[in-house]
C-alpha cells in the first residue's frame, strides 16, 4: 500500500510539471512527458503487486485495483495529448480549456485509485468503493461518447444489438446486489457494469457512424445510447444508497 501511495504522489508531481510546461520549450515538455510515463509504468507495476498480494481467492477485488490504475494511465495519455495540443497557445484557446479539463480528470482518477487502495482490505466498504469508482468511470465514458469526434472504426447495427445483452445481464446483477447488500455482490456488479456500459457506448457510436446509417438515425441512436447509460447510472446510484 505504501509503495502505491508513494508512486501515485510522484505521479501527481509529474502531472503538475507536465501542465506547467505546456507553455515551455518542446524539450522541457518532452522531458516532463517521459518522466510521467516512467512513473505511471512504475505505478502499474506496484498496483499489480498489490493485486497479487490480495490472493487469487478474491479476483473481483483484483480487477477493481487493476481497473483503477488503467483509468489513471488512460487519463495520463489524454493529458499528454492535450498538453501537446495546447503548447504555445493563448490562454483563451479551446486547446488550453481542454488541457485544464484533462488535468481535472487525471486528478479525479488518481484520487479514485488512492481511495480504492485504502478500501480493498476493508470488508465493510470495498464493494461500495468499487461501485463509486465504476460510476465515475461511466461518467467519463459518457463525456467521451458525447463529443462529436467520430469513432476510430465503424461496426454494423447487428454488432451493437449483440452488445446490449451485456446490459441486461448487468442490470439483473445490479438488482440482485441491491437486494443482497453483500459487498462481494456489489464488487461483481461494479466490474460487470463498467464493462457492459463501456462496450455498449463504444459499439453504439461505431454503429451510429456506419456509412449506411442516415444522419437522423445516427442522432437518435446516440441520444438513446446516452439515455441508456444515464438510466443505468441512476440504477447504480440506487444500489449505492441501499
Protein backbone atom coordinates (compact mmCIF):
# COMPACT_ATOMS: atom_id res chain seq x y z
CA UNK A 1 0.00 0.00 0.00
CA UNK A 2 2.80 2.43 0.92
CA UNK A 3 4.54 1.76 -2.40
CA UNK A 4 1.36 2.59 -4.33
CA UNK A 5 0.65 5.78 -2.35
CA UNK A 6 4.24 6.98 -2.74
CA UNK A 7 4.31 6.33 -6.51
CA UNK A 8 0.89 7.95 -7.00
CA UNK A 9 2.15 11.05 -5.18
CA UNK A 10 5.18 11.17 -7.51
CA UNK A 11 2.82 10.91 -10.49
CA UNK A 12 0.78 13.89 -9.25
CA UNK A 13 4.00 15.93 -9.05
CA UNK A 14 4.94 14.82 -12.60
CA UNK A 15 1.47 15.84 -13.79
CA UNK A 16 1.87 19.34 -12.31
CA UNK A 17 5.22 19.75 -14.09
CA UNK A 18 3.69 18.47 -17.33
CA UNK A 19 0.86 21.03 -17.25
CA UNK A 20 3.22 23.86 -16.25
CA UNK A 21 5.48 23.02 -19.20
CA UNK A 22 2.65 23.30 -21.74
CA UNK A 23 3.93 26.80 -22.50
CA UNK A 24 7.64 25.92 -22.16
CA UNK A 25 10.06 24.66 -24.81
CA UNK A 26 9.42 21.37 -26.66
CA UNK A 27 12.45 19.86 -24.94
CA UNK A 28 11.11 20.59 -21.44
CA UNK A 29 7.69 19.31 -22.46
CA UNK A 30 9.20 16.05 -23.79
CA UNK A 31 11.19 15.56 -20.55
CA UNK A 32 8.08 16.10 -18.42
CA UNK A 33 6.09 13.64 -20.57
CA UNK A 34 8.86 10.99 -20.38
CA UNK A 35 9.10 11.37 -16.62
CA UNK A 36 5.33 10.93 -16.14
CA UNK A 37 5.28 7.87 -18.47
CA UNK A 38 8.06 6.22 -16.47
CA UNK A 39 6.19 6.96 -13.20
CA UNK A 40 2.87 5.52 -14.49
CA UNK A 41 4.76 2.37 -15.58
CA UNK A 42 6.14 2.06 -12.02
CA UNK A 43 2.67 2.70 -10.59
CA UNK A 44 1.15 -0.05 -12.77
CA UNK A 45 3.82 -2.47 -11.51
CA UNK A 46 3.24 -1.72 -7.80
CA UNK A 47 -0.55 -1.92 -8.24
CA UNK A 48 -0.15 -5.34 -9.94
CA UNK A 49 1.96 -6.48 -6.97
CA UNK A 50 -0.71 -5.13 -4.62
CA UNK A 51 -3.43 -7.01 -6.52
CA UNK A 52 -1.37 -10.22 -6.40
CA UNK A 53 -0.89 -9.83 -2.62
CA UNK A 54 -4.70 -9.99 -2.15
CA UNK A 55 -4.58 -13.65 -3.20
CA UNK A 56 -6.31 -15.49 -6.02
CA UNK A 57 -9.41 -16.22 -3.92
CA UNK A 58 -10.55 -12.60 -4.40
CA UNK A 59 -10.30 -12.00 -8.19
CA UNK A 60 -13.09 -9.37 -8.32
CA UNK A 61 -11.17 -7.06 -5.94
CA UNK A 62 -8.02 -7.62 -8.00
CA UNK A 63 -9.96 -6.46 -11.09
CA UNK A 64 -11.13 -3.32 -9.22
CA UNK A 65 -7.49 -2.40 -8.44
CA UNK A 66 -6.25 -3.05 -11.99
CA UNK A 67 -9.15 -1.03 -13.44
CA UNK A 68 -8.31 1.88 -11.15
CA UNK A 69 -4.71 2.09 -12.43
CA UNK A 70 -5.90 1.61 -16.03
CA UNK A 71 -8.11 4.70 -15.61
CA UNK A 72 -5.11 6.69 -14.35
CA UNK A 73 -2.99 5.53 -17.33
CA UNK A 74 -5.71 6.46 -19.83
CA UNK A 75 -6.14 9.89 -18.21
CA UNK A 76 -2.38 10.46 -18.40
CA UNK A 77 -2.35 9.54 -22.11
CA UNK A 78 -5.17 12.03 -22.73
CA UNK A 79 -3.39 14.67 -20.66
CA UNK A 80 -0.13 14.29 -22.60
CA UNK A 81 -2.11 14.65 -25.86
CA UNK A 82 -3.90 17.75 -24.51
CA UNK A 83 -0.58 19.26 -23.36
CA UNK A 84 0.91 18.80 -26.83
CA UNK A 85 -2.18 20.38 -28.43
CA UNK A 86 -2.08 23.37 -26.03
CA UNK A 87 1.67 24.02 -26.47
CA UNK A 88 2.27 27.65 -27.39
CA UNK A 89 -1.45 28.52 -27.49
CA UNK A 90 -3.03 31.64 -25.91
CA UNK A 91 -4.86 31.29 -22.58
CA UNK A 92 -8.34 31.58 -24.13
CA UNK A 93 -7.71 28.94 -26.81
CA UNK A 94 -10.07 25.87 -26.70
CA UNK A 95 -6.98 23.60 -26.52
CA UNK A 96 -6.00 25.26 -23.21
CA UNK A 97 -9.53 24.68 -21.87
CA UNK A 98 -9.24 21.02 -22.91
CA UNK A 99 -5.88 20.79 -21.10
CA UNK A 100 -7.45 22.06 -17.86
CA UNK A 101 -10.28 19.56 -18.28
CA UNK A 102 -7.84 16.67 -18.84
CA UNK A 103 -5.85 17.71 -15.76
CA UNK A 104 -9.06 17.58 -13.66
CA UNK A 105 -9.87 14.05 -14.92
CA UNK A 106 -6.31 12.99 -14.10
CA UNK A 107 -6.60 14.29 -10.50
CA UNK A 108 -10.03 12.61 -10.12
CA UNK A 109 -8.67 9.25 -11.29
CA UNK A 110 -5.57 9.36 -9.07
CA UNK A 111 -7.81 10.23 -6.09
CA UNK A 112 -10.11 7.35 -7.03
CA UNK A 113 -7.14 4.95 -7.16
CA UNK A 114 -5.95 6.06 -3.70
CA UNK A 115 -9.44 5.62 -2.20
CA UNK A 116 -9.67 2.17 -3.80
CA UNK A 117 -6.26 1.13 -2.42
CA UNK A 118 -7.30 2.22 1.07
CA UNK A 119 -10.63 0.36 0.84
CA UNK A 120 -9.53 -3.02 -0.64
CA UNK A 121 -8.71 -4.54 2.73
CA UNK A 122 -11.81 -3.14 4.44
CA UNK A 123 -14.52 -5.79 4.13
CA UNK A 124 -17.25 -3.30 5.09
CA UNK A 125 -16.58 -0.69 2.40
CA UNK A 126 -14.69 -2.25 -0.50
CA UNK A 127 -17.84 -3.01 -2.54
CA UNK A 128 -19.21 0.49 -2.03
CA UNK A 129 -15.88 1.97 -3.10
CA UNK A 130 -15.75 -0.22 -6.24
CA UNK A 131 -19.25 0.97 -7.17
CA UNK A 132 -18.30 4.64 -6.69
CA UNK A 133 -15.28 4.12 -8.96
CA UNK A 134 -17.48 2.47 -11.63
CA UNK A 135 -20.00 5.34 -11.50
CA UNK A 136 -17.16 7.84 -12.04
CA UNK A 137 -15.72 5.73 -14.89
CA UNK A 138 -19.12 5.56 -16.66
CA UNK A 139 -19.49 9.35 -16.34
CA UNK A 140 -16.09 9.79 -18.00
CA UNK A 141 -17.00 7.31 -20.76
CA UNK A 142 -20.25 9.23 -21.32
CA UNK A 143 -18.35 12.52 -21.65
CA UNK A 144 -16.17 11.00 -24.39
CA UNK A 145 -19.24 9.43 -26.06
CA UNK A 146 -20.99 12.83 -26.13
CA UNK A 147 -18.18 14.59 -28.05
CA UNK A 148 -18.72 15.00 -31.82
CA UNK A 149 -15.47 13.11 -32.56
CA UNK A 150 -16.20 10.09 -34.85
CA UNK A 151 -15.07 6.63 -33.62
CA UNK A 152 -11.80 5.11 -34.84
CA UNK A 153 -13.75 2.34 -36.62
CA UNK A 154 -17.37 1.59 -37.52
CA UNK A 155 -19.44 -1.55 -36.95
CA UNK A 156 -22.85 -2.82 -38.01
CA UNK A 157 -26.11 -2.23 -36.12
CA UNK A 158 -26.24 -6.04 -35.60
CA UNK A 159 -22.95 -5.88 -33.66
CA UNK A 160 -24.47 -3.17 -31.48
CA UNK A 161 -27.63 -5.21 -30.80
CA UNK A 162 -25.46 -8.11 -29.62
CA UNK A 163 -23.68 -5.79 -27.18
CA UNK A 164 -26.92 -4.78 -25.46
CA UNK A 165 -27.24 -8.31 -23.97
CA UNK A 166 -24.45 -7.35 -21.56
CA UNK A 167 -26.63 -4.53 -20.21
CA UNK A 168 -29.47 -6.98 -19.47
CA UNK A 169 -27.09 -9.27 -17.54
CA UNK A 170 -25.50 -6.38 -15.65
CA UNK A 171 -28.93 -4.97 -14.74
CA UNK A 172 -30.03 -8.32 -13.26
CA UNK A 173 -26.74 -8.47 -11.30
CA UNK A 174 -27.23 -4.89 -10.00
CA UNK A 175 -30.78 -5.64 -8.81
CA UNK A 176 -29.55 -8.82 -7.06
CA UNK A 177 -26.73 -6.84 -5.37
CA UNK A 178 -29.23 -4.20 -4.24
CA UNK A 179 -31.31 -6.96 -2.66
CA UNK A 180 -28.47 -8.92 -1.02
CA UNK A 181 -26.31 -5.92 0.03
CA UNK A 182 -23.30 -8.25 0.20
CA UNK A 183 -20.03 -6.45 -0.55
CA UNK A 184 -18.80 -9.24 -2.89
CA UNK A 185 -22.03 -8.98 -4.94
CA UNK A 186 -21.59 -5.21 -5.17
CA UNK A 187 -17.97 -5.61 -6.37
CA UNK A 188 -19.03 -8.12 -9.05
CA UNK A 189 -21.77 -5.68 -10.14
CA UNK A 190 -19.28 -2.81 -10.31
CA UNK A 191 -16.91 -4.78 -12.55
CA UNK A 192 -19.63 -6.17 -14.84
CA UNK A 193 -21.41 -2.78 -15.15
CA UNK A 194 -18.22 -0.98 -16.04
CA UNK A 195 -17.51 -3.39 -18.90
CA UNK A 196 -21.13 -3.62 -20.13
CA UNK A 197 -21.70 0.16 -20.35
CA UNK A 198 -18.28 0.89 -21.90
CA UNK A 199 -18.91 -1.81 -24.55
CA UNK A 200 -22.43 -0.52 -25.22
CA UNK A 201 -21.33 3.12 -25.64
CA UNK A 202 -18.41 2.14 -27.88
CA UNK A 203 -20.48 -0.11 -30.16
CA UNK A 204 -23.39 2.38 -30.22
CA UNK A 205 -21.11 5.11 -31.58
CA UNK A 206 -19.41 2.73 -34.03
CA UNK A 207 -22.81 1.58 -35.37
CA UNK A 208 -24.22 5.14 -35.47
CA UNK A 209 -21.34 6.22 -37.73
CA UNK A 210 -21.79 3.29 -40.15
CA UNK A 211 -21.86 4.72 -43.73
CA UNK A 212 -25.32 3.28 -44.42
CA UNK A 213 -26.85 4.99 -41.37
CA UNK A 214 -28.60 8.32 -42.11
CA UNK A 215 -27.85 11.49 -40.12
CA UNK A 216 -31.29 11.43 -38.47
CA UNK A 217 -30.96 7.79 -37.33
CA UNK A 218 -27.41 8.49 -36.11
CA UNK A 219 -28.60 11.34 -33.85
CA UNK A 220 -31.43 9.18 -32.46
CA UNK A 221 -29.09 6.25 -31.81
CA UNK A 222 -26.59 8.49 -29.98
CA UNK A 223 -29.41 10.04 -27.94
CA UNK A 224 -30.78 6.64 -26.88
CA UNK A 225 -27.25 5.37 -26.11
CA UNK A 226 -26.78 8.32 -23.75
CA UNK A 227 -30.21 7.83 -22.19
CA UNK A 228 -29.47 4.13 -21.59
CA UNK A 229 -26.16 4.97 -19.83
CA UNK A 230 -27.85 7.75 -17.80
CA UNK A 231 -30.61 5.35 -16.72
CA UNK A 232 -28.05 2.71 -15.77
CA UNK A 233 -26.09 5.27 -13.73
CA UNK A 234 -29.29 6.05 -11.83
CA UNK A 235 -29.72 2.34 -11.10
CA UNK A 236 -26.15 2.06 -9.75
CA UNK A 237 -26.66 5.16 -7.59
CA UNK A 238 -29.76 3.49 -6.07
CA UNK A 239 -27.70 0.35 -5.32
CA UNK A 240 -25.08 2.60 -3.67
CA UNK A 241 -27.72 4.26 -1.47
CA UNK A 242 -29.18 0.87 -0.48
